[in-house]
C-alpha atoms as a PDB file:
ATOM      1  CA  THR A   1     183.523 223.967 210.690  1.00  0.00           C
ATOM      2  CA  VAL A   2     186.750 222.557 209.228  1.00  0.00           C
ATOM      3  CA  LEU A   3     184.598 220.028 207.299  1.00  0.00           C
ATOM      4  CA  VAL A   4     182.188 222.533 206.028  1.00  0.00           C
ATOM      5  CA  ILE A   5     184.975 224.590 204.872  1.00  0.00           C
ATOM      6  CA  MET A   6     186.607 221.469 203.035  1.00  0.00           C
ATOM      7  CA  ALA A   7     183.572 220.557 201.357  1.00  0.00           C
ATOM      8  CA  LEU A   8     182.535 223.996 200.153  1.00  0.00           C
ATOM      9  CA  THR A   9     186.145 224.415 199.089  1.00  0.00           C
ATOM     10  CA  SER A  10     185.697 220.941 197.013  1.00  0.00           C
ATOM     11  CA  ILE A  11     182.422 222.123 195.547  1.00  0.00           C
ATOM     12  CA  ILE A  12     183.713 225.313 194.411  1.00  0.00           C
ATOM     13  CA  SER A  13     186.934 223.700 192.717  1.00  0.00           C
ATOM     14  CA  ILE A  14     184.465 221.192 190.992  1.00  0.00           C
ATOM     15  CA  PHE A  15     182.403 224.023 189.715  1.00  0.00           C
ATOM     16  CA  VAL A  16     185.534 226.037 188.476  1.00  0.00           C
ATOM     17  CA  ASN A  17     186.776 222.933 186.639  1.00  0.00           C
ATOM     18  CA  ALA A  18     183.323 222.394 185.152  1.00  0.00           C
ATOM     19  CA  GLY A  19     182.998 226.191 184.259  1.00  0.00           C
ATOM     20  CA  LEU A  20     180.444 229.101 184.961  1.00  0.00           C
ATOM     21  CA  GLY A  21     177.378 227.408 183.561  1.00  0.00           C
ATOM     22  CA  ALA A  22     177.580 224.629 186.248  1.00  0.00           C
ATOM     23  CA  PHE A  23     178.277 227.012 188.738  1.00  0.00           C
ATOM     24  CA  LEU A  24     175.221 229.147 187.846  1.00  0.00           C
ATOM     25  CA  PHE A  25     173.115 226.008 187.857  1.00  0.00           C
ATOM     26  CA  PHE A  26     174.399 224.934 191.048  1.00  0.00           C
ATOM     27  CA  LEU A  27     173.402 228.485 192.561  1.00  0.00           C
ATOM     28  CA  THR A  28     169.618 228.129 190.922  1.00  0.00           C
ATOM     29  CA  ILE A  29     169.324 224.952 192.260  1.00  0.00           C
ATOM     30  CA  CYS A  30     170.528 226.379 195.948  1.00  0.00           C
ATOM     31  CA  PHE A  31     168.228 229.209 195.567  1.00  0.00           C
ATOM     32  CA  ALA A  32     165.374 227.095 194.704  1.00  0.00           C
ATOM     33  CA  ILE A  33     165.487 224.781 197.463  1.00  0.00           C
ATOM     34  CA  PHE A  34     165.923 227.843 200.047  1.00  0.00           C
ATOM     35  CA  THR A  35     162.716 229.236 198.547  1.00  0.00           C
ATOM     36  CA  LEU A  36     160.727 226.009 198.826  1.00  0.00           C
ATOM     37  CA  PHE A  37     162.200 225.326 202.427  1.00  0.00           C
ATOM     38  CA  SER A  38     161.391 229.282 203.249  1.00  0.00           C
ATOM     39  CA  ARG A  39     157.680 228.678 202.066  1.00  0.00           C
ATOM     40  CA  TRP A  40     157.399 225.435 203.721  1.00  0.00           C
ATOM     41  CA  ASP A  41     158.671 227.072 207.146  1.00  0.00           C
ATOM     42  CA  LYS A  42     156.235 230.183 206.721  1.00  0.00           C
ATOM     43  CA  LYS A  43     153.377 227.670 205.972  1.00  0.00           C
ATOM     44  CA  ARG A  44     154.289 225.472 209.336  1.00  0.00           C
ATOM     45  CA  LYS A  45     154.617 228.806 211.492  1.00  0.00           C
ATOM     46  CA  GLU A  46     151.143 229.832 210.179  1.00  0.00           C
ATOM     47  CA  GLU A  47     149.832 226.357 210.933  1.00  0.00           C
ATOM     48  CA  LEU A  48     151.160 226.643 214.460  1.00  0.00           C
ATOM     49  CA  LEU A  49     150.126 230.074 215.049  1.00  0.00           C
ATOM     50  CA  GLU A  50     146.589 228.875 214.147  1.00  0.00           C
ATOM     51  CA  SER A  51     146.693 225.939 216.453  1.00  0.00           C
ATOM     52  CA  PHE A  52     147.847 228.211 219.511  1.00  0.00           C
ATOM     53  CA  LYS A  53     145.031 230.614 218.625  1.00  0.00           C
ATOM     54  CA  HIS A  54     142.278 227.840 219.010  1.00  0.00           C
ATOM     55  CA  PHE A  55     143.860 226.010 221.586  1.00  0.00           C
ATOM     56  CA  LYS A  56     141.904 224.441 224.477  1.00  0.00           C
ATOM     57  CA  ILE A  57     143.674 223.029 227.546  1.00  0.00           C
ATOM     58  CA  SER A  58     141.701 219.889 227.112  1.00  0.00           C
ATOM     59  CA  ASP A  59     143.488 219.520 223.624  1.00  0.00           C
ATOM     60  CA  PHE A  60     146.338 218.019 225.868  1.00  0.00           C
ATOM     61  CA  ASP A  61     144.029 215.352 227.536  1.00  0.00           C
ATOM     62  CA  SER A  62     143.719 213.250 224.646  1.00  0.00           C
ATOM     63  CA  MET A  63     147.506 213.266 223.367  1.00  0.00           C
ATOM     64  CA  ASP A  64     149.732 210.224 224.154  1.00  0.00           C
ATOM     65  CA  GLY A  65     153.128 211.092 225.734  1.00  0.00           C
ATOM     66  CA  VAL A  66     155.283 211.446 222.626  1.00  0.00           C
ATOM     67  CA  THR A  67     152.769 213.736 220.953  1.00  0.00           C
ATOM     68  CA  PHE A  68     152.607 215.659 224.253  1.00  0.00           C
ATOM     69  CA  GLU A  69     156.393 216.109 224.340  1.00  0.00           C
ATOM     70  CA  GLN A  70     156.382 216.968 220.682  1.00  0.00           C
ATOM     71  CA  LYS A  71     153.585 219.807 221.388  1.00  0.00           C
ATOM     72  CA  LEU A  72     155.704 220.808 224.338  1.00  0.00           C
ATOM     73  CA  GLY A  73     158.645 221.162 221.857  1.00  0.00           C
ATOM     74  CA  GLU A  74     156.622 223.885 219.575  1.00  0.00           C
ATOM     75  CA  ILE A  75     155.300 225.795 222.431  1.00  0.00           C
ATOM     76  CA  PHE A  76     159.147 226.259 223.784  1.00  0.00           C
ATOM     77  CA  GLN A  77     160.295 227.035 220.534  1.00  0.00           C
ATOM     78  CA  ALA A  78     157.581 229.505 219.941  1.00  0.00           C
ATOM     79  CA  LEU A  79     159.026 230.908 223.519  1.00  0.00           C
ATOM     80  CA  ASP A  80     162.420 231.286 222.113  1.00  0.00           C
ATOM     81  CA  TYR A  81     163.886 228.111 223.158  1.00  0.00           C
ATOM     82  CA  LYS A  82     166.299 225.979 221.158  1.00  0.00           C
ATOM     83  CA  VAL A  83     164.705 222.460 221.763  1.00  0.00           C
ATOM     84  CA  SER A  84     166.036 219.197 221.525  1.00  0.00           C
ATOM     85  CA  PHE A  85     164.451 215.598 222.181  1.00  0.00           C
ATOM     86  CA  THR A  86     166.230 212.869 224.132  1.00  0.00           C
ATOM     87  CA  LYS A  87     165.496 209.398 223.663  1.00  0.00           C
ATOM     88  CA  VAL A  88     161.823 208.124 224.162  1.00  0.00           C
ATOM     89  CA  THR A  89     162.911 205.418 226.402  1.00  0.00           C
ATOM     90  CA  GLY A  90     165.885 205.432 228.709  1.00  0.00           C
ATOM     91  CA  ASP A  91     166.057 209.106 228.650  1.00  0.00           C
ATOM     92  CA  TYR A  92     167.508 209.360 232.573  1.00  0.00           C
ATOM     93  CA  GLY A  93     164.187 211.215 233.341  1.00  0.00           C
ATOM     94  CA  VAL A  94     164.741 214.134 230.906  1.00  0.00           C
ATOM     95  CA  ASP A  95     162.405 214.311 227.904  1.00  0.00           C
ATOM     96  CA  LEU A  96     163.267 217.509 226.114  1.00  0.00           C
ATOM     97  CA  ILE A  97     166.419 219.849 226.772  1.00  0.00           C
ATOM     98  CA  LEU A  98     165.835 223.575 226.317  1.00  0.00           C
ATOM     99  CA  GLU A  99     168.458 226.241 225.499  1.00  0.00           C
ATOM    100  CA  ASN A 100     168.542 229.910 225.921  1.00  0.00           C
ATOM    101  CA  ASN A 101     171.493 232.376 226.045  1.00  0.00           C
ATOM    102  CA  THR A 102     171.925 231.407 229.758  1.00  0.00           C
ATOM    103  CA  LYS A 103     170.649 228.146 230.493  1.00  0.00           C
ATOM    104  CA  LYS A 104     169.973 224.618 229.373  1.00  0.00           C
ATOM    105  CA  ILE A 105     166.882 223.178 231.107  1.00  0.00           C
ATOM    106  CA  GLY A 106     165.721 219.601 231.472  1.00  0.00           C
ATOM    107  CA  VAL A 107     162.006 219.013 231.170  1.00  0.00           C
ATOM    108  CA  GLN A 108     160.126 216.119 231.926  1.00  0.00           C
ATOM    109  CA  ALA A 109     156.793 216.038 230.372  1.00  0.00           C
ATOM    110  CA  LYS A 110     153.958 214.138 232.183  1.00  0.00           C
ATOM    111  CA  CYS A 111     150.601 213.935 230.146  1.00  0.00           C
ATOM    112  CA  TYR A 112     148.396 212.231 232.885  1.00  0.00           C
ATOM    113  CA  SER A 113     144.787 211.896 233.499  1.00  0.00           C
ATOM    114  CA  GLY A 114     145.360 212.324 237.170  1.00  0.00           C
ATOM    115  CA  LYS A 115     147.990 214.253 239.497  1.00  0.00           C
ATOM    116  CA  VAL A 116     151.729 213.942 239.083  1.00  0.00           C
ATOM    117  CA  SER A 117     153.536 212.288 241.906  1.00  0.00           C
ATOM    118  CA  LEU A 118     156.898 213.047 243.284  1.00  0.00           C
ATOM    119  CA  ASN A 119     158.206 210.529 241.014  1.00  0.00           C
ATOM    120  CA  ALA A 120     158.411 212.932 238.108  1.00  0.00           C
ATOM    121  CA  VAL A 121     160.347 215.298 240.319  1.00  0.00           C
ATOM    122  CA  GLN A 122     162.854 212.472 241.488  1.00  0.00           C
ATOM    123  CA  GLU A 123     163.466 211.467 237.856  1.00  0.00           C
ATOM    124  CA  ILE A 124     164.056 215.070 236.505  1.00  0.00           C
ATOM    125  CA  TYR A 125     166.516 215.803 239.422  1.00  0.00           C
ATOM    126  CA  ALA A 126     168.373 212.614 238.759  1.00  0.00           C
ATOM    127  CA  GLY A 127     168.699 213.384 234.969  1.00  0.00           C
ATOM    128  CA  LEU A 128     170.112 216.700 235.278  1.00  0.00           C
ATOM    129  CA  PRO A 129     173.876 215.817 235.936  1.00  0.00           C
ATOM    130  CA  TYR A 130     173.558 213.238 233.225  1.00  0.00           C
ATOM    131  CA  TYR A 131     172.930 215.790 230.691  1.00  0.00           C
ATOM    132  CA  GLY A 132     174.945 218.595 232.095  1.00  0.00           C
ATOM    133  CA  LEU A 133     171.699 220.795 232.714  1.00  0.00           C
ATOM    134  CA  HIS A 134     171.248 223.852 234.991  1.00  0.00           C
ATOM    135  CA  ASP A 135     167.696 223.520 235.752  1.00  0.00           C
ATOM    136  CA  GLY A 136     164.859 220.887 235.916  1.00  0.00           C
ATOM    137  CA  TRP A 137     161.139 221.468 235.045  1.00  0.00           C
ATOM    138  CA  VAL A 138     158.175 218.998 235.018  1.00  0.00           C
ATOM    139  CA  VAL A 139     155.490 220.073 232.861  1.00  0.00           C
ATOM    140  CA  THR A 140     152.008 218.313 232.968  1.00  0.00           C
ATOM    141  CA  ASN A 141     148.433 218.738 231.458  1.00  0.00           C
ATOM    142  CA  ASN A 142     147.006 217.885 235.203  1.00  0.00           C
ATOM    143  CA  TYR A 143     148.279 218.978 238.673  1.00  0.00           C
ATOM    144  CA  PHE A 144     150.617 217.852 241.096  1.00  0.00           C
ATOM    145  CA  THR A 145     150.443 216.253 244.364  1.00  0.00           C
ATOM    146  CA  ASP A 146     151.410 217.863 247.748  1.00  0.00           C
ATOM    147  CA  SER A 147     154.354 215.684 248.006  1.00  0.00           C
ATOM    148  CA  ALA A 148     155.502 216.406 244.634  1.00  0.00           C
ATOM    149  CA  GLN A 149     155.413 220.086 245.380  1.00  0.00           C
ATOM    150  CA  LYS A 150     157.285 219.980 248.449  1.00  0.00           C
ATOM    151  CA  LEU A 151     160.029 217.767 246.751  1.00  0.00           C
ATOM    152  CA  ALA A 152     160.249 220.319 243.696  1.00  0.00           C
ATOM    153  CA  GLN A 153     160.729 223.290 246.173  1.00  0.00           C
ATOM    154  CA  LYS A 154     163.347 221.668 248.176  1.00  0.00           C
ATOM    155  CA  ASN A 155     165.441 220.841 244.878  1.00  0.00           C
ATOM    156  CA  ASN A 156     164.729 223.816 242.757  1.00  0.00           C
ATOM    157  CA  ILE A 157     162.611 221.961 240.317  1.00  0.00           C
ATOM    158  CA  LEU A 158     159.816 224.212 238.743  1.00  0.00           C
ATOM    159  CA  LEU A 159     156.368 222.692 238.055  1.00  0.00           C
ATOM    160  CA  ILE A 160     154.305 223.705 235.453  1.00  0.00           C
ATOM    161  CA  ASP A 161     150.930 222.699 235.936  1.00  0.00           C
ATOM    162  CA  ARG A 162     147.568 222.626 233.731  1.00  0.00           C
ATOM    163  CA  ASP A 163     147.009 226.371 234.479  1.00  0.00           C
ATOM    164  CA  GLY A 164     150.872 227.146 233.912  1.00  0.00           C
ATOM    165  CA  LEU A 165     150.719 225.103 230.813  1.00  0.00           C
ATOM    166  CA  TYR A 166     147.767 227.178 229.371  1.00  0.00           C
ATOM    167  CA  GLN A 167     149.760 230.459 230.264  1.00  0.00           C
ATOM    168  CA  CYS A 168     152.632 228.967 228.208  1.00  0.00           C
ATOM    169  CA  VAL A 169     150.523 228.503 225.110  1.00  0.00           C
ATOM    170  CA  LYS A 170     149.067 231.898 225.410  1.00  0.00           C
ATOM    171  CA  ASP A 171     152.533 233.630 225.724  1.00  0.00           C
ATOM    172  CA  ALA A 172     153.726 231.394 222.832  1.00  0.00           C
ATOM    173  CA  TYR A 173     150.835 232.617 220.568  1.00  0.00           C
ATOM    174  CA  GLN A 174     151.473 236.270 221.595  1.00  0.00           C
ATOM    175  CA  ASN A 175     155.210 235.944 221.044  1.00  0.00           C
ATOM    176  CA  MET A 176     154.474 234.339 217.492  1.00  0.00           C
ATOM    177  CA  LEU A 177     152.263 237.280 216.954  1.00  0.00           C
ATOM    178  CA  LYS A 178     154.603 239.736 217.695  1.00  0.00           C
ATOM    179  CA  LYS A 179     157.398 238.125 215.491  1.00  0.00           C
ATOM    180  CA  SER A 180     154.791 237.959 212.494  1.00  0.00           C
ATOM    181  CA  SER A 181     154.188 241.452 212.751  1.00  0.00           C
ATOM    182  CA  ASN A 182     157.905 242.508 212.599  1.00  0.00           C
END
C-alpha cells in the first residue's frame, strides 16, 4: 500500500506540474480504460453464464487437466471463492487454492476416464501444510474408489465426484443468475 500511495503521489505531482489539461487528459484515459474493462468483464460473465446454462457433465470428459482446472476455477469463482492457481508441475498436490471469509481450501483436480484412487487423497493431504491451508478437496469428473473414500473420511478431505461437480455447476449458475438480477 505504501508503494501505491507513493506512485499516486508521484503521478499527481507530475500532473500538477504539467497543468490541469494534462491531469484531465489522464482522468479521461483512466475512465476509458475502466469502461472498456467493465464491458469486457460483463461480456465474459455473460458468456460464462451461458456456458453454465447449457452445461452437460460430459463436457468435462474431453478436457485435459489444465483446462479442467481452469473450468473449476470459473465454477468456484461463481460460487464466491477467491481462486488462485498453483504451478502446473511441482504443485505439491494442490492445483487450486480457494479462499472465502473463513477458510483457505486446497483443491486437487482430477479429470479422469476412470475412478480416482487414494493417491489423490494422499497428494492433497500432503500439500495442505505446504500452502498453509485449512481444508482439502479432491474434485473429479468421475467417481472415487472405495479406498479413496475411506482415506478421505479419516483425514477430513472432501471428495466431490461427478454428481457433486454437476451440482456445483448448477449452484454456480444459480448464484450468477441471482447476482445478474441485482
